[in-house]
N, C-alpha and C. Protein backbone atom coordinates (compact mmCIF):
# COMPACT_ATOMS: atom_id res chain seq x y z
N MET A 1 -4.96 8.87 -4.77
CA MET A 1 -5.11 8.43 -3.41
C MET A 1 -4.06 9.14 -2.56
N ARG A 2 -4.46 9.55 -1.36
CA ARG A 2 -3.52 10.19 -0.45
C ARG A 2 -3.90 9.83 0.97
N LEU A 3 -2.97 9.98 1.88
CA LEU A 3 -3.25 9.72 3.28
C LEU A 3 -4.20 10.79 3.82
N ALA A 4 -5.14 10.36 4.62
CA ALA A 4 -6.09 11.30 5.22
C ALA A 4 -5.47 11.96 6.43
N GLU A 5 -5.84 13.20 6.65
CA GLU A 5 -5.39 13.93 7.84
C GLU A 5 -6.12 13.39 9.07
N ASP A 6 -5.47 13.46 10.23
CA ASP A 6 -6.06 12.96 11.47
C ASP A 6 -7.44 13.57 11.75
N ASP A 7 -7.57 14.88 11.54
CA ASP A 7 -8.85 15.55 11.79
C ASP A 7 -9.96 15.03 10.88
N ALA A 8 -9.63 14.78 9.62
CA ALA A 8 -10.62 14.25 8.68
C ALA A 8 -11.05 12.85 9.07
N ILE A 9 -10.10 12.05 9.55
CA ILE A 9 -10.42 10.69 9.99
C ILE A 9 -11.37 10.74 11.19
N LYS A 10 -11.03 11.56 12.16
CA LYS A 10 -11.86 11.65 13.37
C LYS A 10 -13.27 12.15 13.02
N LYS A 11 -13.37 13.11 12.11
CA LYS A 11 -14.67 13.65 11.71
C LYS A 11 -15.51 12.60 10.97
N THR A 12 -14.86 11.82 10.09
CA THR A 12 -15.57 10.84 9.27
C THR A 12 -15.93 9.57 10.03
N ILE A 13 -14.97 9.06 10.81
CA ILE A 13 -15.17 7.76 11.47
C ILE A 13 -15.52 7.92 12.95
N GLY A 14 -15.04 9.00 13.56
CA GLY A 14 -15.36 9.25 14.96
C GLY A 14 -14.30 8.80 15.94
N CYS A 15 -13.12 8.45 15.43
CA CYS A 15 -12.03 8.04 16.31
C CYS A 15 -10.70 8.42 15.67
N PRO A 16 -9.62 8.45 16.44
CA PRO A 16 -8.31 8.77 15.87
C PRO A 16 -7.77 7.58 15.05
N PRO A 17 -6.77 7.81 14.19
CA PRO A 17 -6.24 6.77 13.31
C PRO A 17 -5.83 5.47 14.02
N GLY A 18 -5.29 5.53 15.22
CA GLY A 18 -4.83 4.32 15.90
C GLY A 18 -5.94 3.39 16.36
N SER A 19 -7.18 3.82 16.22
CA SER A 19 -8.31 3.00 16.68
C SER A 19 -9.24 2.58 15.55
N ILE A 20 -8.85 2.82 14.31
CA ILE A 20 -9.69 2.50 13.15
C ILE A 20 -9.68 1.00 12.89
N GLY A 21 -10.85 0.48 12.54
CA GLY A 21 -10.98 -0.90 12.09
C GLY A 21 -11.89 -0.94 10.87
N PRO A 22 -11.90 -2.05 10.12
CA PRO A 22 -12.67 -2.12 8.88
C PRO A 22 -14.14 -2.51 9.06
N GLN A 23 -14.60 -2.71 10.28
CA GLN A 23 -15.96 -3.21 10.49
C GLN A 23 -16.99 -2.09 10.55
N GLN A 24 -18.13 -2.37 9.93
CA GLN A 24 -19.30 -1.50 9.95
C GLN A 24 -19.00 -0.05 9.55
N LEU A 25 -18.23 0.12 8.50
CA LEU A 25 -17.93 1.46 7.99
C LEU A 25 -18.82 1.76 6.80
N SER A 26 -19.21 3.01 6.65
CA SER A 26 -20.03 3.41 5.51
C SER A 26 -19.17 4.07 4.43
N ILE A 27 -17.87 3.87 4.51
CA ILE A 27 -16.94 4.43 3.52
C ILE A 27 -16.26 3.30 2.77
N ARG A 28 -15.66 3.63 1.66
CA ARG A 28 -14.92 2.66 0.85
C ARG A 28 -13.67 2.21 1.61
N VAL A 29 -13.48 0.90 1.74
CA VAL A 29 -12.32 0.34 2.43
C VAL A 29 -11.46 -0.39 1.41
N ILE A 30 -10.21 0.07 1.24
CA ILE A 30 -9.27 -0.58 0.34
C ILE A 30 -8.22 -1.27 1.20
N ALA A 31 -8.11 -2.58 1.07
CA ALA A 31 -7.18 -3.37 1.88
C ALA A 31 -5.94 -3.72 1.06
N ASP A 32 -4.80 -3.72 1.70
CA ASP A 32 -3.58 -4.17 1.04
C ASP A 32 -3.67 -5.67 0.80
N HIS A 33 -3.04 -6.15 -0.27
CA HIS A 33 -3.05 -7.58 -0.59
C HIS A 33 -2.55 -8.43 0.59
N SER A 34 -1.68 -7.87 1.41
CA SER A 34 -1.09 -8.64 2.51
C SER A 34 -2.08 -8.96 3.63
N VAL A 35 -3.23 -8.29 3.68
CA VAL A 35 -4.19 -8.55 4.75
C VAL A 35 -5.45 -9.28 4.28
N VAL A 36 -5.57 -9.50 3.00
CA VAL A 36 -6.78 -10.09 2.44
C VAL A 36 -7.09 -11.47 3.03
N ASN A 37 -6.08 -12.27 3.29
CA ASN A 37 -6.30 -13.64 3.79
C ASN A 37 -6.12 -13.78 5.29
N LEU A 38 -6.03 -12.67 6.01
CA LEU A 38 -5.87 -12.75 7.46
C LEU A 38 -7.09 -13.38 8.12
N LYS A 39 -6.82 -14.15 9.17
CA LYS A 39 -7.88 -14.74 9.98
C LYS A 39 -7.58 -14.44 11.43
N ASN A 40 -8.62 -14.21 12.21
CA ASN A 40 -8.46 -13.95 13.65
C ASN A 40 -7.47 -12.84 13.93
N PHE A 41 -7.62 -11.72 13.25
CA PHE A 41 -6.69 -10.60 13.41
C PHE A 41 -7.20 -9.59 14.43
N THR A 42 -6.31 -8.71 14.86
CA THR A 42 -6.64 -7.65 15.81
C THR A 42 -6.64 -6.32 15.08
N CYS A 43 -7.63 -5.50 15.33
CA CYS A 43 -7.69 -4.18 14.69
C CYS A 43 -8.47 -3.23 15.58
N GLY A 44 -8.50 -1.97 15.19
CA GLY A 44 -9.24 -0.97 15.94
C GLY A 44 -10.73 -1.26 15.94
N ALA A 45 -11.42 -0.77 16.96
CA ALA A 45 -12.87 -0.98 17.10
C ALA A 45 -13.67 0.25 16.69
N ASN A 46 -13.02 1.22 16.07
CA ASN A 46 -13.65 2.48 15.66
C ASN A 46 -14.15 3.29 16.86
N LYS A 47 -13.54 3.06 18.01
CA LYS A 47 -13.77 3.83 19.23
C LYS A 47 -12.41 4.11 19.84
N GLU A 48 -12.19 5.32 20.25
CA GLU A 48 -10.87 5.73 20.75
C GLU A 48 -10.36 4.80 21.84
N GLY A 49 -9.14 4.27 21.61
CA GLY A 49 -8.48 3.40 22.58
C GLY A 49 -9.00 1.98 22.63
N LYS A 50 -9.93 1.60 21.77
CA LYS A 50 -10.53 0.26 21.79
C LYS A 50 -10.08 -0.55 20.58
N HIS A 51 -9.89 -1.86 20.79
CA HIS A 51 -9.50 -2.78 19.73
C HIS A 51 -10.31 -4.06 19.82
N ILE A 52 -10.41 -4.76 18.71
CA ILE A 52 -11.11 -6.04 18.64
C ILE A 52 -10.10 -7.13 18.35
N VAL A 53 -10.22 -8.26 19.05
CA VAL A 53 -9.33 -9.41 18.87
C VAL A 53 -10.11 -10.52 18.17
N ASN A 54 -9.42 -11.31 17.33
CA ASN A 54 -10.00 -12.46 16.62
C ASN A 54 -11.07 -12.06 15.61
N LEU A 55 -10.85 -10.97 14.92
CA LEU A 55 -11.79 -10.52 13.89
C LEU A 55 -11.48 -11.24 12.58
N ASN A 56 -12.51 -11.53 11.80
CA ASN A 56 -12.36 -12.16 10.49
C ASN A 56 -13.14 -11.34 9.46
N TRP A 57 -12.72 -11.44 8.20
CA TRP A 57 -13.44 -10.76 7.13
C TRP A 57 -14.81 -11.43 7.00
N SER A 58 -15.87 -10.68 7.19
CA SER A 58 -17.23 -11.21 7.11
C SER A 58 -18.15 -10.10 6.63
N ASP A 59 -19.44 -10.32 6.73
CA ASP A 59 -20.39 -9.31 6.29
C ASP A 59 -20.27 -8.00 7.07
N SER A 60 -19.96 -8.08 8.36
CA SER A 60 -19.84 -6.86 9.16
C SER A 60 -18.44 -6.25 9.09
N CYS A 61 -17.53 -6.97 8.48
CA CYS A 61 -16.14 -6.53 8.39
C CYS A 61 -15.63 -6.90 7.01
N LYS A 62 -15.69 -5.97 6.08
CA LYS A 62 -15.28 -6.29 4.72
C LYS A 62 -14.57 -5.12 4.06
N PHE A 63 -13.88 -5.42 2.97
CA PHE A 63 -13.20 -4.38 2.20
C PHE A 63 -13.84 -4.31 0.83
N THR A 64 -13.78 -3.11 0.24
CA THR A 64 -14.36 -2.87 -1.07
C THR A 64 -13.49 -3.45 -2.17
N GLU A 65 -12.18 -3.28 -2.01
CA GLU A 65 -11.24 -3.80 -3.00
C GLU A 65 -9.88 -4.01 -2.37
N ALA A 66 -9.06 -4.82 -3.02
CA ALA A 66 -7.69 -5.06 -2.57
C ALA A 66 -6.75 -4.38 -3.56
N ALA A 67 -5.66 -3.83 -3.04
CA ALA A 67 -4.69 -3.13 -3.88
C ALA A 67 -3.30 -3.28 -3.28
N ASP A 68 -2.30 -2.93 -4.06
CA ASP A 68 -0.92 -2.97 -3.59
C ASP A 68 -0.61 -1.62 -2.95
N LEU A 69 -0.81 -1.50 -1.65
CA LEU A 69 -0.66 -0.22 -0.95
C LEU A 69 0.60 -0.13 -0.12
N ARG A 70 1.13 -1.24 0.31
CA ARG A 70 2.21 -1.26 1.28
C ARG A 70 3.57 -1.13 0.61
N LYS A 71 4.48 -0.43 1.25
CA LYS A 71 5.86 -0.35 0.77
C LYS A 71 6.58 -1.60 1.26
N ILE A 72 7.14 -2.35 0.33
CA ILE A 72 7.77 -3.61 0.71
C ILE A 72 9.05 -3.40 1.49
N GLN A 73 9.42 -4.42 2.24
CA GLN A 73 10.67 -4.44 2.98
C GLN A 73 11.31 -5.81 2.78
N GLU A 74 12.61 -5.85 2.89
CA GLU A 74 13.31 -7.13 2.78
C GLU A 74 12.76 -8.09 3.82
N GLY A 75 12.52 -9.33 3.40
CA GLY A 75 11.99 -10.34 4.30
C GLY A 75 10.48 -10.50 4.22
N ASP A 76 9.79 -9.57 3.53
CA ASP A 76 8.34 -9.70 3.36
C ASP A 76 8.03 -10.93 2.52
N LEU A 77 6.85 -11.46 2.68
CA LEU A 77 6.39 -12.59 1.89
C LEU A 77 6.29 -12.17 0.43
N SER A 78 6.72 -13.02 -0.48
CA SER A 78 6.65 -12.71 -1.91
C SER A 78 5.19 -12.69 -2.36
N PRO A 79 4.88 -12.00 -3.47
CA PRO A 79 3.49 -11.91 -3.93
C PRO A 79 2.83 -13.26 -4.18
N ASP A 80 3.62 -14.25 -4.60
CA ASP A 80 3.03 -15.58 -4.84
C ASP A 80 2.97 -16.42 -3.57
N GLY A 81 3.50 -15.91 -2.46
CA GLY A 81 3.44 -16.61 -1.18
C GLY A 81 4.40 -17.77 -1.05
N LYS A 82 5.33 -17.92 -1.99
CA LYS A 82 6.23 -19.07 -1.99
C LYS A 82 7.63 -18.77 -1.50
N GLY A 83 7.87 -17.58 -1.04
CA GLY A 83 9.21 -17.22 -0.57
C GLY A 83 9.19 -15.85 0.07
N THR A 84 10.40 -15.34 0.33
CA THR A 84 10.51 -14.01 0.91
C THR A 84 11.28 -13.11 -0.05
N LEU A 85 11.06 -11.82 0.07
CA LEU A 85 11.70 -10.84 -0.81
C LEU A 85 13.07 -10.46 -0.28
N PHE A 86 13.99 -10.23 -1.21
CA PHE A 86 15.29 -9.67 -0.84
C PHE A 86 15.56 -8.51 -1.77
N ILE A 87 16.36 -7.58 -1.31
CA ILE A 87 16.63 -6.35 -2.07
C ILE A 87 18.09 -6.34 -2.47
N LYS A 88 18.34 -6.08 -3.74
CA LYS A 88 19.70 -6.01 -4.28
C LYS A 88 19.87 -4.71 -5.03
N ARG A 89 21.09 -4.19 -5.04
CA ARG A 89 21.39 -3.02 -5.85
C ARG A 89 21.37 -3.41 -7.31
N GLY A 90 20.96 -2.51 -8.15
CA GLY A 90 20.91 -2.78 -9.57
C GLY A 90 21.53 -1.63 -10.35
N ILE A 91 21.74 -1.87 -11.62
CA ILE A 91 22.24 -0.81 -12.49
C ILE A 91 21.21 -0.56 -13.57
N GLU A 92 21.28 0.58 -14.16
CA GLU A 92 20.37 0.90 -15.25
C GLU A 92 20.82 0.13 -16.48
N VAL A 93 19.94 -0.69 -17.00
CA VAL A 93 20.28 -1.50 -18.16
C VAL A 93 20.14 -0.70 -19.44
N GLY A 94 19.19 0.15 -19.52
CA GLY A 94 19.00 0.95 -20.71
C GLY A 94 18.16 2.17 -20.41
N HIS A 95 18.38 3.20 -21.19
CA HIS A 95 17.61 4.42 -21.01
C HIS A 95 17.43 5.04 -22.39
N ILE A 96 16.21 5.22 -22.80
CA ILE A 96 15.94 5.75 -24.13
C ILE A 96 15.47 7.20 -23.99
N PHE A 97 16.13 8.09 -24.70
CA PHE A 97 15.72 9.48 -24.71
C PHE A 97 16.19 10.12 -26.00
N GLN A 98 15.63 11.24 -26.34
CA GLN A 98 15.96 11.95 -27.58
C GLN A 98 17.21 12.79 -27.37
N LEU A 99 18.28 12.49 -28.11
CA LEU A 99 19.53 13.24 -27.97
C LEU A 99 19.58 14.49 -28.83
N GLY A 100 18.87 14.45 -29.93
CA GLY A 100 18.96 15.59 -30.83
C GLY A 100 20.32 15.60 -31.53
N LYS A 101 20.87 16.79 -31.81
CA LYS A 101 22.12 16.90 -32.56
C LYS A 101 23.31 17.24 -31.67
N LYS A 102 23.12 17.34 -30.37
CA LYS A 102 24.16 17.81 -29.46
C LYS A 102 25.48 17.05 -29.63
N TYR A 103 25.45 15.74 -29.55
CA TYR A 103 26.69 14.96 -29.59
C TYR A 103 27.23 14.82 -31.01
N SER A 104 26.35 14.63 -31.98
CA SER A 104 26.84 14.48 -33.36
C SER A 104 27.51 15.76 -33.84
N GLU A 105 26.98 16.92 -33.50
CA GLU A 105 27.62 18.18 -33.90
C GLU A 105 28.93 18.41 -33.17
N SER A 106 28.99 18.11 -31.86
CA SER A 106 30.23 18.33 -31.11
C SER A 106 31.34 17.38 -31.57
N LEU A 107 30.97 16.21 -32.10
CA LEU A 107 31.96 15.26 -32.62
C LEU A 107 32.20 15.44 -34.12
N ASN A 108 31.50 16.40 -34.70
CA ASN A 108 31.58 16.65 -36.14
C ASN A 108 31.23 15.39 -36.93
N ALA A 109 30.26 14.65 -36.41
CA ALA A 109 29.83 13.42 -37.07
C ALA A 109 28.76 13.75 -38.10
N ARG A 110 28.97 13.27 -39.31
CA ARG A 110 28.03 13.54 -40.39
C ARG A 110 27.76 12.24 -41.15
N TYR A 111 26.61 12.20 -41.78
CA TYR A 111 26.29 11.03 -42.60
C TYR A 111 25.76 11.45 -43.93
């Protein structure tokens, strides 16, 4: 999956990216998990400079599948919906890789 170029979007849908909405599209629509339960939302009307208010997921406005597409930010709702996310620095707990003989030979370690 990759981001579509502006020209490809305009050719396929007929409007620039800022005016795209999920209604009445003949293409596959993948929605982020964060928008699946939205009600009465505002989105593009698939016409340049036009938007629709109070739209709901219905037969004329639907997504093909939901996926984890969005990059999270501190303060976002947690995946279970019971709290908010916070970001902390971490350290590497473990790293497994093949060392070969480099260190054992340099230390003259034998078994």
